C-alpha atoms as a PDB file:
ATOM      1  CA  MET A   1     -49.922   2.033  16.931  1.00  0.00           C
ATOM      2  CA  THR A   2     -49.340   5.785  16.840  1.00  0.00           C
ATOM      3  CA  SER A   3     -47.890   5.622  20.348  1.00  0.00           C
ATOM      4  CA  LEU A   4     -45.537   2.816  19.343  1.00  0.00           C
ATOM      5  CA  LEU A   5     -44.373   4.730  16.272  1.00  0.00           C
ATOM      6  CA  PHE A   6     -43.777   7.829  18.389  1.00  0.00           C
ATOM      7  CA  LYS A   7     -41.751   5.874  20.949  1.00  0.00           C
ATOM      8  CA  SER A   8     -39.748   4.195  18.197  1.00  0.00           C
ATOM      9  CA  GLY A   9     -39.021   7.512  16.523  1.00  0.00           C
ATOM     10  CA  ALA A  10     -38.062   9.116  19.803  1.00  0.00           C
ATOM     11  CA  ALA A  11     -35.706   6.241  20.596  1.00  0.00           C
ATOM     12  CA  ALA A  12     -34.064   6.585  17.198  1.00  0.00           C
ATOM     13  CA  LEU A  13     -33.599  10.317  17.704  1.00  0.00           C
ATOM     14  CA  ALA A  14     -32.136   9.749  21.161  1.00  0.00           C
ATOM     15  CA  LEU A  15     -29.744   7.155  19.779  1.00  0.00           C
ATOM     16  CA  ALA A  16     -28.654   9.496  16.990  1.00  0.00           C
ATOM     17  CA  ALA A  17     -28.128  12.312  19.481  1.00  0.00           C
ATOM     18  CA  ALA A  18     -26.040  10.044  21.708  1.00  0.00           C
ATOM     19  CA  ALA A  19     -23.935   8.939  18.729  1.00  0.00           C
ATOM     20  CA  SER A  20     -23.412  12.541  17.688  1.00  0.00           C
ATOM     21  CA  ALA A  21     -22.355  13.551  21.201  1.00  0.00           C
ATOM     22  CA  TRP A  22     -19.967  10.591  21.337  1.00  0.00           C
ATOM     23  CA  ALA A  23     -18.462  11.569  17.969  1.00  0.00           C
ATOM     24  CA  GLN A  24     -17.873  15.106  19.244  1.00  0.00           C
ATOM     25  CA  THR A  25     -15.645  13.781  22.040  1.00  0.00           C
ATOM     26  CA  TYR A  26     -13.789  11.406  19.708  1.00  0.00           C
ATOM     27  CA  PRO A  27     -10.999  10.465  20.086  1.00  0.00           C
ATOM     28  CA  ALA A  28     -10.892  10.060  23.851  1.00  0.00           C
ATOM     29  CA  LYS A  29      -8.077   7.474  23.819  1.00  0.00           C
ATOM     30  CA  PRO A  30      -5.261   6.271  21.523  1.00  0.00           C
ATOM     31  CA  ILE A  31      -6.165   5.002  18.055  1.00  0.00           C
ATOM     32  CA  THR A  32      -4.693   1.802  16.609  1.00  0.00           C
ATOM     33  CA  TRP A  33      -3.643   1.495  12.991  1.00  0.00           C
ATOM     34  CA  ILE A  34      -3.162  -2.111  11.900  1.00  0.00           C
ATOM     35  CA  VAL A  35      -0.256  -2.558   9.474  1.00  0.00           C
ATOM     36  CA  PRO A  36      -0.498  -6.115   8.063  1.00  0.00           C
ATOM     37  CA  PHE A  37       3.231  -6.251   7.316  1.00  0.00           C
ATOM     38  CA  ALA A  38       6.326  -6.571   9.482  1.00  0.00           C
ATOM     39  CA  ALA A  39       7.903  -3.549  11.128  1.00  0.00           C
ATOM     40  CA  GLY A  40      10.700  -1.839   9.226  1.00  0.00           C
ATOM     41  CA  GLY A  41       9.328  -2.271   5.711  1.00  0.00           C
ATOM     42  CA  PRO A  42       8.105   0.501   3.394  1.00  0.00           C
ATOM     43  CA  THR A  43       4.445   0.146   4.387  1.00  0.00           C
ATOM     44  CA  ASP A  44       5.309   0.371   8.069  1.00  0.00           C
ATOM     45  CA  ALA A  45       7.694   3.305   7.510  1.00  0.00           C
ATOM     46  CA  LEU A  46       5.190   5.381   5.541  1.00  0.00           C
ATOM     47  CA  ALA A  47       2.361   4.566   7.969  1.00  0.00           C
ATOM     48  CA  ARG A  48       4.405   5.715  10.967  1.00  0.00           C
ATOM     49  CA  HIS A  49       5.480   8.860   9.139  1.00  0.00           C
ATOM     50  CA  ILE A  50       1.882   9.872   8.457  1.00  0.00           C
ATOM     51  CA  ALA A  51       0.461   8.579  11.761  1.00  0.00           C
ATOM     52  CA  GLU A  52       2.776  10.865  13.721  1.00  0.00           C
ATOM     53  CA  ARG A  53       1.368  13.942  11.971  1.00  0.00           C
ATOM     54  CA  VAL A  54      -2.283  12.850  12.090  1.00  0.00           C
ATOM     55  CA  ALA A  55      -1.940  12.081  15.814  1.00  0.00           C
ATOM     56  CA  ARG A  56      -0.937  15.676  16.486  1.00  0.00           C
ATOM     57  CA  GLU A  57      -4.058  16.913  14.725  1.00  0.00           C
ATOM     58  CA  VAL A  58      -6.526  14.579  16.471  1.00  0.00           C
ATOM     59  CA  GLY A  59      -4.908  15.028  19.883  1.00  0.00           C
ATOM     60  CA  GLN A  60      -4.350  11.351  20.652  1.00  0.00           C
ATOM     61  CA  PRO A  61      -1.476   8.937  19.941  1.00  0.00           C
ATOM     62  CA  ILE A  62      -1.780   6.562  17.000  1.00  0.00           C
ATOM     63  CA  VAL A  63      -0.364   3.146  17.848  1.00  0.00           C
ATOM     64  CA  ILE A  64       0.940   0.956  15.012  1.00  0.00           C
ATOM     65  CA  ASP A  65      -0.031  -2.707  15.359  1.00  0.00           C
ATOM     66  CA  ASN A  66       2.091  -4.862  13.028  1.00  0.00           C
ATOM     67  CA  SER A  67       0.047  -7.979  12.208  1.00  0.00           C
ATOM     68  CA  PRO A  68       1.798  -9.707   9.273  1.00  0.00           C
ATOM     69  CA  GLY A  69       0.829 -12.932   7.568  1.00  0.00           C
ATOM     70  CA  ALA A  70      -0.515 -14.313   4.272  1.00  0.00           C
ATOM     71  CA  GLY A  71       0.345 -11.270   2.197  1.00  0.00           C
ATOM     72  CA  GLY A  72      -1.356  -8.887   4.596  1.00  0.00           C
ATOM     73  CA  THR A  73      -4.687 -10.690   4.614  1.00  0.00           C
ATOM     74  CA  VAL A  74      -4.342 -11.836   8.247  1.00  0.00           C
ATOM     75  CA  GLY A  75      -4.107  -8.312   9.629  1.00  0.00           C
ATOM     76  CA  THR A  76      -6.781  -7.081   7.219  1.00  0.00           C
ATOM     77  CA  ALA A  77      -9.258  -9.717   8.394  1.00  0.00           C
ATOM     78  CA  LYS A  78      -8.435  -8.684  11.969  1.00  0.00           C
ATOM     79  CA  ALA A  79      -9.267  -5.072  11.129  1.00  0.00           C
ATOM     80  CA  ALA A  80     -12.519  -6.067   9.432  1.00  0.00           C
ATOM     81  CA  ARG A  81     -13.656  -7.794  12.641  1.00  0.00           C
ATOM     82  CA  ALA A  82     -12.725  -4.875  14.910  1.00  0.00           C
ATOM     83  CA  ALA A  83     -15.371  -2.797  16.661  1.00  0.00           C
ATOM     84  CA  PRO A  84     -16.602   0.014  14.380  1.00  0.00           C
ATOM     85  CA  ASP A  85     -15.885   2.704  16.961  1.00  0.00           C
ATOM     86  CA  GLY A  86     -13.057   4.577  15.243  1.00  0.00           C
ATOM     87  CA  TYR A  87     -10.347   3.253  17.523  1.00  0.00           C
ATOM     88  CA  THR A  88      -9.087   0.547  15.162  1.00  0.00           C
ATOM     89  CA  MET A  89      -8.265   1.297  11.544  1.00  0.00           C
ATOM     90  CA  LEU A  90      -6.398  -0.438   8.745  1.00  0.00           C
ATOM     91  CA  VAL A  91      -3.453   0.798   6.724  1.00  0.00           C
ATOM     92  CA  GLY A  92      -4.651  -0.517   3.374  1.00  0.00           C
ATOM     93  CA  HIS A  93      -2.349  -1.519   0.509  1.00  0.00           C
ATOM     94  CA  MET A  94      -2.721  -2.411  -3.166  1.00  0.00           C
ATOM     95  CA  GLY A  95      -2.078  -6.101  -2.451  1.00  0.00           C
ATOM     96  CA  TYR A  96      -4.608  -7.053   0.192  1.00  0.00           C
ATOM     97  CA  MET A  97      -7.140  -4.317  -0.656  1.00  0.00           C
ATOM     98  CA  GLY A  98      -6.857  -4.438  -4.447  1.00  0.00           C
ATOM     99  CA  ALA A  99      -5.367  -7.663  -5.775  1.00  0.00           C
ATOM    100  CA  ALA A 100      -6.270 -10.192  -3.072  1.00  0.00           C
ATOM    101  CA  PRO A 101      -9.890 -10.856  -4.155  1.00  0.00           C
ATOM    102  CA  ALA A 102      -8.611 -11.941  -7.565  1.00  0.00           C
ATOM    103  CA  LEU A 103      -5.665 -13.960  -6.324  1.00  0.00           C
ATOM    104  CA  TYR A 104      -6.951 -15.856  -3.286  1.00  0.00           C
ATOM    105  CA  LYS A 105      -9.608 -18.522  -3.703  1.00  0.00           C
ATOM    106  CA  LYS A 106     -10.869 -17.846  -0.180  1.00  0.00           C
ATOM    107  CA  LEU A 107     -10.665 -14.488   1.551  1.00  0.00           C
ATOM    108  CA  ASN A 108     -12.035 -13.738   5.032  1.00  0.00           C
ATOM    109  CA  TYR A 109     -13.061 -10.188   4.143  1.00  0.00           C
ATOM    110  CA  ASP A 110     -14.302  -8.049   1.264  1.00  0.00           C
ATOM    111  CA  PRO A 111     -12.244  -4.879   0.642  1.00  0.00           C
ATOM    112  CA  VAL A 112     -15.302  -2.964  -0.530  1.00  0.00           C
ATOM    113  CA  LYS A 113     -18.159  -4.342   1.576  1.00  0.00           C
ATOM    114  CA  ASP A 114     -16.380  -4.737   4.929  1.00  0.00           C
ATOM    115  CA  PHE A 115     -14.627  -1.375   5.165  1.00  0.00           C
ATOM    116  CA  ALA A 116     -15.326   2.344   5.123  1.00  0.00           C
ATOM    117  CA  PRO A 117     -12.590   4.298   3.280  1.00  0.00           C
ATOM    118  CA  VAL A 118     -11.189   7.226   5.288  1.00  0.00           C
ATOM    119  CA  PHE A 119      -8.349   8.752   3.258  1.00  0.00           C
ATOM    120  CA  ARG A 120      -5.669   7.871   0.709  1.00  0.00           C
ATOM    121  CA  PHE A 121      -1.903   8.260   1.043  1.00  0.00           C
ATOM    122  CA  PRO A 122       0.304   9.561  -1.793  1.00  0.00           C
ATOM    123  CA  ASP A 123       1.508   6.821  -4.159  1.00  0.00           C
ATOM    124  CA  THR A 124       4.989   5.301  -4.121  1.00  0.00           C
ATOM    125  CA  PRO A 125       6.721   4.100  -7.310  1.00  0.00           C
ATOM    126  CA  LEU A 126       9.159   1.203  -7.224  1.00  0.00           C
ATOM    127  CA  VAL A 127      12.698   0.813  -8.505  1.00  0.00           C
ATOM    128  CA  LEU A 128      14.130  -2.406  -9.888  1.00  0.00           C
ATOM    129  CA  MET A 129      17.562  -2.964  -8.343  1.00  0.00           C
ATOM    130  CA  VAL A 130      20.155  -5.703  -8.829  1.00  0.00           C
ATOM    131  CA  ARG A 131      23.156  -6.804  -6.806  1.00  0.00           C
ATOM    132  CA  LYS A 132      26.307  -4.807  -7.550  1.00  0.00           C
ATOM    133  CA  GLU A 133      28.091  -7.698  -9.249  1.00  0.00           C
ATOM    134  CA  HIS A 134      25.232  -8.689 -11.552  1.00  0.00           C
ATOM    135  CA  PRO A 135      26.418  -8.912 -15.166  1.00  0.00           C
ATOM    136  CA  ALA A 136      23.377  -7.021 -16.520  1.00  0.00           C
ATOM    137  CA  LYS A 137      24.393  -3.389 -16.809  1.00  0.00           C
ATOM    138  CA  ASP A 138      21.003  -2.131 -17.956  1.00  0.00           C
ATOM    139  CA  ILE A 139      17.354  -3.216 -17.958  1.00  0.00           C
ATOM    140  CA  LYS A 140      17.460  -4.581 -21.526  1.00  0.00           C
ATOM    141  CA  ALA A 141      20.366  -6.860 -20.623  1.00  0.00           C
ATOM    142  CA  LEU A 142      18.472  -8.119 -17.574  1.00  0.00           C
ATOM    143  CA  VAL A 143      15.389  -8.927 -19.639  1.00  0.00           C
ATOM    144  CA  ASP A 144      17.536 -10.651 -22.271  1.00  0.00           C
ATOM    145  CA  PHE A 145      19.134 -12.743 -19.504  1.00  0.00           C
ATOM    146  CA  GLY A 146      15.724 -13.622 -18.068  1.00  0.00           C
ATOM    147  CA  LYS A 147      14.372 -14.719 -21.436  1.00  0.00           C
ATOM    148  CA  ALA A 148      17.443 -16.810 -22.203  1.00  0.00           C
ATOM    149  CA  ASN A 149      17.554 -18.426 -18.750  1.00  0.00           C
ATOM    150  CA  PRO A 150      14.059 -19.454 -17.583  1.00  0.00           C
ATOM    151  CA  ASP A 151      13.719 -19.573 -13.787  1.00  0.00           C
ATOM    152  CA  LYS A 152      17.370 -18.598 -13.298  1.00  0.00           C
ATOM    153  CA  LEU A 153      16.698 -14.936 -12.594  1.00  0.00           C
ATOM    154  CA  PHE A 154      15.957 -14.765  -8.873  1.00  0.00           C
ATOM    155  CA  ILE A 155      13.855 -11.779  -7.792  1.00  0.00           C
ATOM    156  CA  SER A 156      13.176 -11.378  -4.075  1.00  0.00           C
ATOM    157  CA  ASN A 157      10.086  -9.724  -2.629  1.00  0.00           C
ATOM    158  CA  ALA A 158       8.523  -8.716   0.674  1.00  0.00           C
ATOM    159  CA  GLY A 159       6.137 -11.671   0.660  1.00  0.00           C
ATOM    160  CA  VAL A 160       3.225 -12.930  -1.388  1.00  0.00           C
ATOM    161  CA  GLY A 161       0.722 -10.160  -1.996  1.00  0.00           C
ATOM    162  CA  SER A 162       3.250  -7.380  -1.410  1.00  0.00           C
ATOM    163  CA  SER A 163       3.690  -4.744  -4.111  1.00  0.00           C
ATOM    164  CA  SER A 164       7.231  -6.014  -4.708  1.00  0.00           C
ATOM    165  CA  HIS A 165       5.764  -9.450  -5.443  1.00  0.00           C
ATOM    166  CA  LEU A 166       2.828  -8.322  -7.567  1.00  0.00           C
ATOM    167  CA  ILE A 167       4.787  -5.854  -9.681  1.00  0.00           C
ATOM    168  CA  ALA A 168       7.669  -8.301 -10.174  1.00  0.00           C
ATOM    169  CA  ALA A 169       5.190 -10.920 -11.390  1.00  0.00           C
ATOM    170  CA  LEU A 170       3.493  -8.400 -13.676  1.00  0.00           C
ATOM    171  CA  PHE A 171       6.893  -7.244 -15.000  1.00  0.00           C
ATOM    172  CA  ALA A 172       8.039 -10.803 -15.739  1.00  0.00           C
ATOM    173  CA  THR A 173       4.803 -11.731 -17.476  1.00  0.00           C
ATOM    174  CA  SER A 174       4.727  -8.508 -19.498  1.00  0.00           C
ATOM    175  CA  ALA A 175       8.351  -9.023 -20.583  1.00  0.00           C
ATOM    176  CA  GLY A 176       7.756 -12.644 -21.551  1.00  0.00           C
ATOM    177  CA  MET A 177      10.098 -14.038 -18.909  1.00  0.00           C
ATOM    178  CA  LYS A 178       9.810 -16.932 -16.491  1.00  0.00           C
ATOM    179  CA  VAL A 179      11.612 -15.854 -13.322  1.00  0.00           C
ATOM    180  CA  SER A 180      11.934 -17.257  -9.811  1.00  0.00           C
ATOM    181  CA  LEU A 181      10.071 -15.035  -7.351  1.00  0.00           C
ATOM    182  CA  VAL A 182      11.536 -15.502  -3.874  1.00  0.00           C
ATOM    183  CA  PRO A 183       9.259 -14.435  -0.981  1.00  0.00           C
ATOM    184  CA  TYR A 184      10.615 -13.117   2.336  1.00  0.00           C
ATOM    185  CA  LYS A 185       8.969 -11.976   5.559  1.00  0.00           C
ATOM    186  CA  GLY A 186       9.378  -8.327   4.671  1.00  0.00           C
ATOM    187  CA  ALA A 187      11.163  -5.914   2.352  1.00  0.00           C
ATOM    188  CA  GLY A 188      14.116  -5.579   4.724  1.00  0.00           C
ATOM    189  CA  PRO A 189      15.218  -9.241   4.600  1.00  0.00           C
ATOM    190  CA  ALA A 190      14.530  -9.347   0.842  1.00  0.00           C
ATOM    191  CA  LEU A 191      16.804  -6.364   0.262  1.00  0.00           C
ATOM    192  CA  ILE A 192      19.538  -7.729   2.532  1.00  0.00           C
ATOM    193  CA  ASP A 193      19.856 -10.779   0.292  1.00  0.00           C
ATOM    194  CA  VAL A 194      20.097  -8.588  -2.809  1.00  0.00           C
ATOM    195  CA  ILE A 195      22.922  -6.649  -1.169  1.00  0.00           C
ATOM    196  CA  GLY A 196      24.541  -9.906  -0.056  1.00  0.00           C
ATOM    197  CA  GLY A 197      24.294 -11.440  -3.522  1.00  0.00           C
ATOM    198  CA  GLN A 198      22.035 -14.358  -2.562  1.00  0.00           C
ATOM    199  CA  VAL A 199      19.440 -13.221  -5.136  1.00  0.00           C
ATOM    200  CA  ASP A 200      19.725 -11.185  -8.325  1.00  0.00           C
ATOM    201  CA  GLY A 201      17.463  -8.259  -7.536  1.00  0.00           C
ATOM    202  CA  MET A 202      14.114  -6.924  -6.370  1.00  0.00           C
ATOM    203  CA  PHE A 203      11.543  -4.205  -6.844  1.00  0.00           C
ATOM    204  CA  ASP A 204      11.516  -1.914  -3.830  1.00  0.00           C
ATOM    205  CA  GLN A 205       9.686   1.292  -3.069  1.00  0.00           C
ATOM    206  CA  THR A 206      11.663   4.422  -3.790  1.00  0.00           C
ATOM    207  CA  ASN A 207      11.547   5.774  -0.233  1.00  0.00           C
ATOM    208  CA  THR A 208      13.260   2.717   1.261  1.00  0.00           C
ATOM    209  CA  ALA A 209      15.467   1.922  -1.741  1.00  0.00           C
ATOM    210  CA  MET A 210      17.029   5.366  -1.941  1.00  0.00           C
ATOM    211  CA  PRO A 211      19.579   4.984   0.901  1.00  0.00           C
ATOM    212  CA  GLN A 212      20.861   1.661  -0.473  1.00  0.00           C
ATOM    213  CA  ILE A 213      21.240   3.137  -3.955  1.00  0.00           C
ATOM    214  CA  THR A 214      22.931   6.298  -2.665  1.00  0.00           C
ATOM    215  CA  GLU A 215      25.426   4.214  -0.703  1.00  0.00           C
ATOM    216  CA  GLY A 216      26.177   2.096  -3.758  1.00  0.00           C
ATOM    217  CA  LYS A 217      25.035  -1.161  -2.179  1.00  0.00           C
ATOM    218  CA  VAL A 218      22.799  -2.019  -5.157  1.00  0.00           C
ATOM    219  CA  ARG A 219      22.442  -0.872  -8.773  1.00  0.00           C
ATOM    220  CA  PRO A 220      19.141   0.601 -10.010  1.00  0.00           C
ATOM    221  CA  LEU A 221      18.092  -0.430 -13.512  1.00  0.00           C
ATOM    222  CA  ALA A 222      14.611   1.025 -13.963  1.00  0.00           C
ATOM    223  CA  VAL A 223      11.717   2.739 -12.192  1.00  0.00           C
ATOM    224  CA  THR A 224       8.031   1.869 -12.502  1.00  0.00           C
ATOM    225  CA  SER A 225       6.746   5.455 -12.691  1.00  0.00           C
ATOM    226  CA  LYS A 226       5.357   6.962 -15.897  1.00  0.00           C
ATOM    227  CA  VAL A 227       8.210   9.459 -16.153  1.00  0.00           C
ATOM    228  CA  ARG A 228      11.709   9.586 -14.711  1.00  0.00           C
ATOM    229  CA  LEU A 229      12.019  10.674 -11.099  1.00  0.00           C
ATOM    230  CA  PRO A 230      14.189  13.654 -10.072  1.00  0.00           C
ATOM    231  CA  GLN A 231      15.855  11.562  -7.368  1.00  0.00           C
ATOM    232  CA  PHE A 232      16.766   8.905  -9.963  1.00  0.00           C
ATOM    233  CA  LYS A 233      17.259  11.116 -13.022  1.00  0.00           C
ATOM    234  CA  ASP A 234      19.778   8.716 -14.605  1.00  0.00           C
ATOM    235  CA  VAL A 235      17.516   5.693 -14.106  1.00  0.00           C
ATOM    236  CA  PRO A 236      15.134   5.070 -17.029  1.00  0.00           C
ATOM    237  CA  THR A 237      11.519   4.001 -16.729  1.00  0.00           C
ATOM    238  CA  LEU A 238      10.419   0.548 -17.787  1.00  0.00           C
ATOM    239  CA  ALA A 239       8.068   2.255 -20.222  1.00  0.00           C
ATOM    240  CA  GLU A 240      10.832   4.044 -22.114  1.00  0.00           C
ATOM    241  CA  THR A 241      13.044   0.980 -22.353  1.00  0.00           C
ATOM    242  CA  VAL A 242      11.548  -2.508 -22.524  1.00  0.00           C
ATOM    243  CA  LEU A 243       7.829  -2.253 -21.718  1.00  0.00           C
ATOM    244  CA  PRO A 244       5.940   0.589 -23.430  1.00  0.00           C
ATOM    245  CA  ASN A 245       3.028   1.933 -21.333  1.00  0.00           C
ATOM    246  CA  PHE A 246       4.116   0.001 -18.231  1.00  0.00           C
ATOM    247  CA  GLU A 247       3.332   2.009 -15.105  1.00  0.00           C
ATOM    248  CA  ALA A 248       2.814   0.834 -11.531  1.00  0.00           C
ATOM    249  CA  SER A 249       2.978   2.356  -8.063  1.00  0.00           C
ATOM    250  CA  THR A 250       2.126   1.174  -4.588  1.00  0.00           C
ATOM    251  CA  TRP A 251      -1.018   2.832  -3.269  1.00  0.00           C
ATOM    252  CA  TYR A 252      -2.211   3.004   0.323  1.00  0.00           C
ATOM    253  CA  GLY A 253      -5.179   4.243   2.291  1.00  0.00           C
ATOM    254  CA  ILE A 254      -6.721   4.254   5.744  1.00  0.00           C
ATOM    255  CA  TYR A 255      -9.890   2.188   6.196  1.00  0.00           C
ATOM    256  CA  ALA A 256     -12.222   1.724   9.155  1.00  0.00           C
ATOM    257  CA  PRO A 257     -14.496  -1.246   9.819  1.00  0.00           C
ATOM    258  CA  LYS A 258     -17.870  -0.873   8.106  1.00  0.00           C
ATOM    259  CA  GLY A 259     -20.365   0.837  10.377  1.00  0.00           C
ATOM    260  CA  THR A 260     -17.936   3.330  11.897  1.00  0.00           C
ATOM    261  CA  PRO A 261     -19.882   6.598  12.430  1.00  0.00           C
ATOM    262  CA  LYS A 262     -19.520   9.085   9.590  1.00  0.00           C
ATOM    263  CA  GLU A 263     -18.742  11.868  12.047  1.00  0.00           C
ATOM    264  CA  VAL A 264     -15.694   9.909  13.193  1.00  0.00           C
ATOM    265  CA  LEU A 265     -14.534   9.229   9.643  1.00  0.00           C
ATOM    266  CA  ASP A 266     -14.970  12.904   8.769  1.00  0.00           C
ATOM    267  CA  LYS A 267     -12.952  14.005  11.791  1.00  0.00           C
ATOM    268  CA  VAL A 268     -10.005  11.728  10.964  1.00  0.00           C
ATOM    269  CA  GLN A 269     -10.135  12.664   7.294  1.00  0.00           C
ATOM    270  CA  ALA A 270     -10.156  16.378   8.156  1.00  0.00           C
ATOM    271  CA  ALA A 271      -7.072  15.913  10.352  1.00  0.00           C
ATOM    272  CA  TYR A 272      -5.241  14.173   7.512  1.00  0.00           C
ATOM    273  CA  LEU A 273      -6.228  16.757   4.903  1.00  0.00           C
ATOM    274  CA  LYS A 274      -4.846  19.439   7.206  1.00  0.00           C
ATOM    275  CA  VAL A 275      -1.563  17.533   7.425  1.00  0.00           C
ATOM    276  CA  MET A 276      -1.412  17.429   3.630  1.00  0.00           C
ATOM    277  CA  THR A 277      -1.502  21.237   3.455  1.00  0.00           C
ATOM    278  CA  ASP A 278       1.807  21.384   5.348  1.00  0.00           C
ATOM    279  CA  LYS A 279       4.273  22.125   2.553  1.00  0.00           C
ATOM    280  CA  ALA A 280       7.308  21.170   4.639  1.00  0.00           C
ATOM    281  CA  PHE A 281       5.754  17.746   5.224  1.00  0.00           C
ATOM    282  CA  THR A 282       4.699  17.139   1.622  1.00  0.00           C
ATOM    283  CA  ASP A 283       8.049  18.363   0.308  1.00  0.00           C
ATOM    284  CA  LYS A 284       9.794  15.866   2.582  1.00  0.00           C
ATOM    285  CA  MET A 285       7.722  13.032   1.127  1.00  0.00           C
ATOM    286  CA  ALA A 286       8.225  14.250  -2.436  1.00  0.00           C
ATOM    287  CA  ASN A 287      11.983  14.311  -1.829  1.00  0.00           C
ATOM    288  CA  GLN A 288      11.744  10.565  -1.195  1.00  0.00           C
ATOM    289  CA  ALA A 289      10.210  10.163  -4.685  1.00  0.00           C
ATOM    290  CA  ILE A 290       6.756   9.617  -3.182  1.00  0.00           C
ATOM    291  CA  GLN A 291       4.219  10.853  -5.719  1.00  0.00           C
ATOM    292  CA  MET A 292       1.863  13.534  -4.457  1.00  0.00           C
ATOM    293  CA  LEU A 293      -1.729  13.421  -5.713  1.00  0.00           C
ATOM    294  CA  PRO A 294      -4.259  16.143  -6.523  1.00  0.00           C
ATOM    295  CA  PRO A 295      -5.939  17.183  -3.216  1.00  0.00           C
ATOM    296  CA  GLU A 296      -9.301  15.705  -4.190  1.00  0.00           C
ATOM    297  CA  GLN A 297      -7.713  12.257  -4.508  1.00  0.00           C
ATOM    298  CA  TYR A 298      -6.872  12.086  -0.800  1.00  0.00           C
ATOM    299  CA  THR A 299     -10.492  11.886   0.401  1.00  0.00           C
ATOM    300  CA  GLY A 300     -12.383   8.825   1.572  1.00  0.00           C
ATOM    301  CA  THR A 301     -14.770   9.107  -1.360  1.00  0.00           C
ATOM    302  CA  ALA A 302     -11.881   9.024  -3.819  1.00  0.00           C
ATOM    303  CA  LEU A 303     -10.267   6.102  -1.989  1.00  0.00           C
ATOM    304  CA  GLY A 304     -13.519   4.135  -2.150  1.00  0.00           C
ATOM    305  CA  LYS A 305     -13.766   4.601  -5.925  1.00  0.00           C
ATOM    306  CA  HIS A 306     -10.092   3.742  -6.355  1.00  0.00           C
ATOM    307  CA  THR A 307     -10.467   0.555  -4.301  1.00  0.00           C
ATOM    308  CA  GLU A 308     -13.362  -0.647  -6.437  1.00  0.00           C
ATOM    309  CA  ALA A 309     -11.419   0.125  -9.612  1.00  0.00           C
ATOM    310  CA  GLU A 310      -8.308  -1.695  -8.365  1.00  0.00           C
ATOM    311  CA  VAL A 311     -10.273  -4.808  -7.405  1.00  0.00           C
ATOM    312  CA  ALA A 312     -11.651  -4.890 -10.958  1.00  0.00           C
ATOM    313  CA  ARG A 313      -8.224  -4.157 -12.469  1.00  0.00           C
ATOM    314  CA  TRP A 314      -6.445  -7.002 -10.705  1.00  0.00           C
ATOM    315  CA  LYS A 315      -9.200  -9.444 -11.585  1.00  0.00           C
ATOM    316  CA  ALA A 316      -8.502  -8.594 -15.228  1.00  0.00           C
ATOM    317  CA  VAL A 317      -4.736  -8.931 -14.699  1.00  0.00           C
ATOM    318  CA  ALA A 318      -5.124 -12.300 -12.955  1.00  0.00           C
ATOM    319  CA  ALA A 319      -7.228 -13.583 -15.826  1.00  0.00           C
ATOM    320  CA  LYS A 320      -4.437 -12.774 -18.305  1.00  0.00           C
ATOM    321  CA  THR A 321      -1.356 -13.735 -16.289  1.00  0.00           C
ATOM    322  CA  SER A 322      -0.048 -16.554 -14.142  1.00  0.00           C
ATOM    323  CA  ILE A 323      -0.044 -14.454 -10.942  1.00  0.00           C
ATOM    324  CA  SER A 324      -1.483 -16.529  -8.096  1.00  0.00           C
ATOM    325  CA  LEU A 325      -1.198 -16.502  -4.315  1.00  0.00           C
ATOM    326  CA  ASP A 326      -2.856 -19.860  -3.613  1.00  0.00           C
END
């Protein structure tokens, strides 16, 4: 028995040593980040922006794999089933990593149990925009129109489960309106139809909405941040106008399949935290109205706690509203 225990212990030590040696050489090939939305949208744009910088730090390219479908849950399930070797990771999002467990009756993954959090991105507020010719000149007029005309206010979104869908639904419910939420296969097509006048408006993330607003293609009515944003100083918050205490932003994070070695997670997290000390880089993001977080909020530990809290939050929201993805 003693001999067997010794051999077992020795084997375990050898395995641990081999894993440690492997982690020291990581990454030895390109890393894939799965983005469960179409290319060209805000999630894809921010992921590529950050991936480029992290790739420089880890010394290997980061390849973006766009795997859209079912509000991001298709690509997320794909990431959950990937080998836990550090070469496939998920660009997580508030929809499929926070709200989905409350909104889908059946989900092929668990955001908390099936993933290891690596690091969190800065948050991105949204801006509610309407087509240029829309008669509502301010947010109060839009809400009044929505209340007086049930289902006749058409709000496009990037697809079920996207932040533009979830926050639009939460906005409508909070304001006591019944609106028509129109899903598209991405934020790009949804915005094109706002510009073209086929729908009344949409919530879009500030970093992708800014060029359209600057060029006068759409009119901004309100932002979802707690306070006004410097880039949209003349645009009021929803909280200061029609919905006191309303605040919402899109949050993101990088996750690895459960079982990925801690040494690998630590190495990728360290590379990202180094990127976030580059003032030129963070200033560029802040200039796009992306909200920077306290440094301690970028870690995997913080992301894990935030994910658990968001899953609980959206379960409470779903119980009080009519938001549903099934």
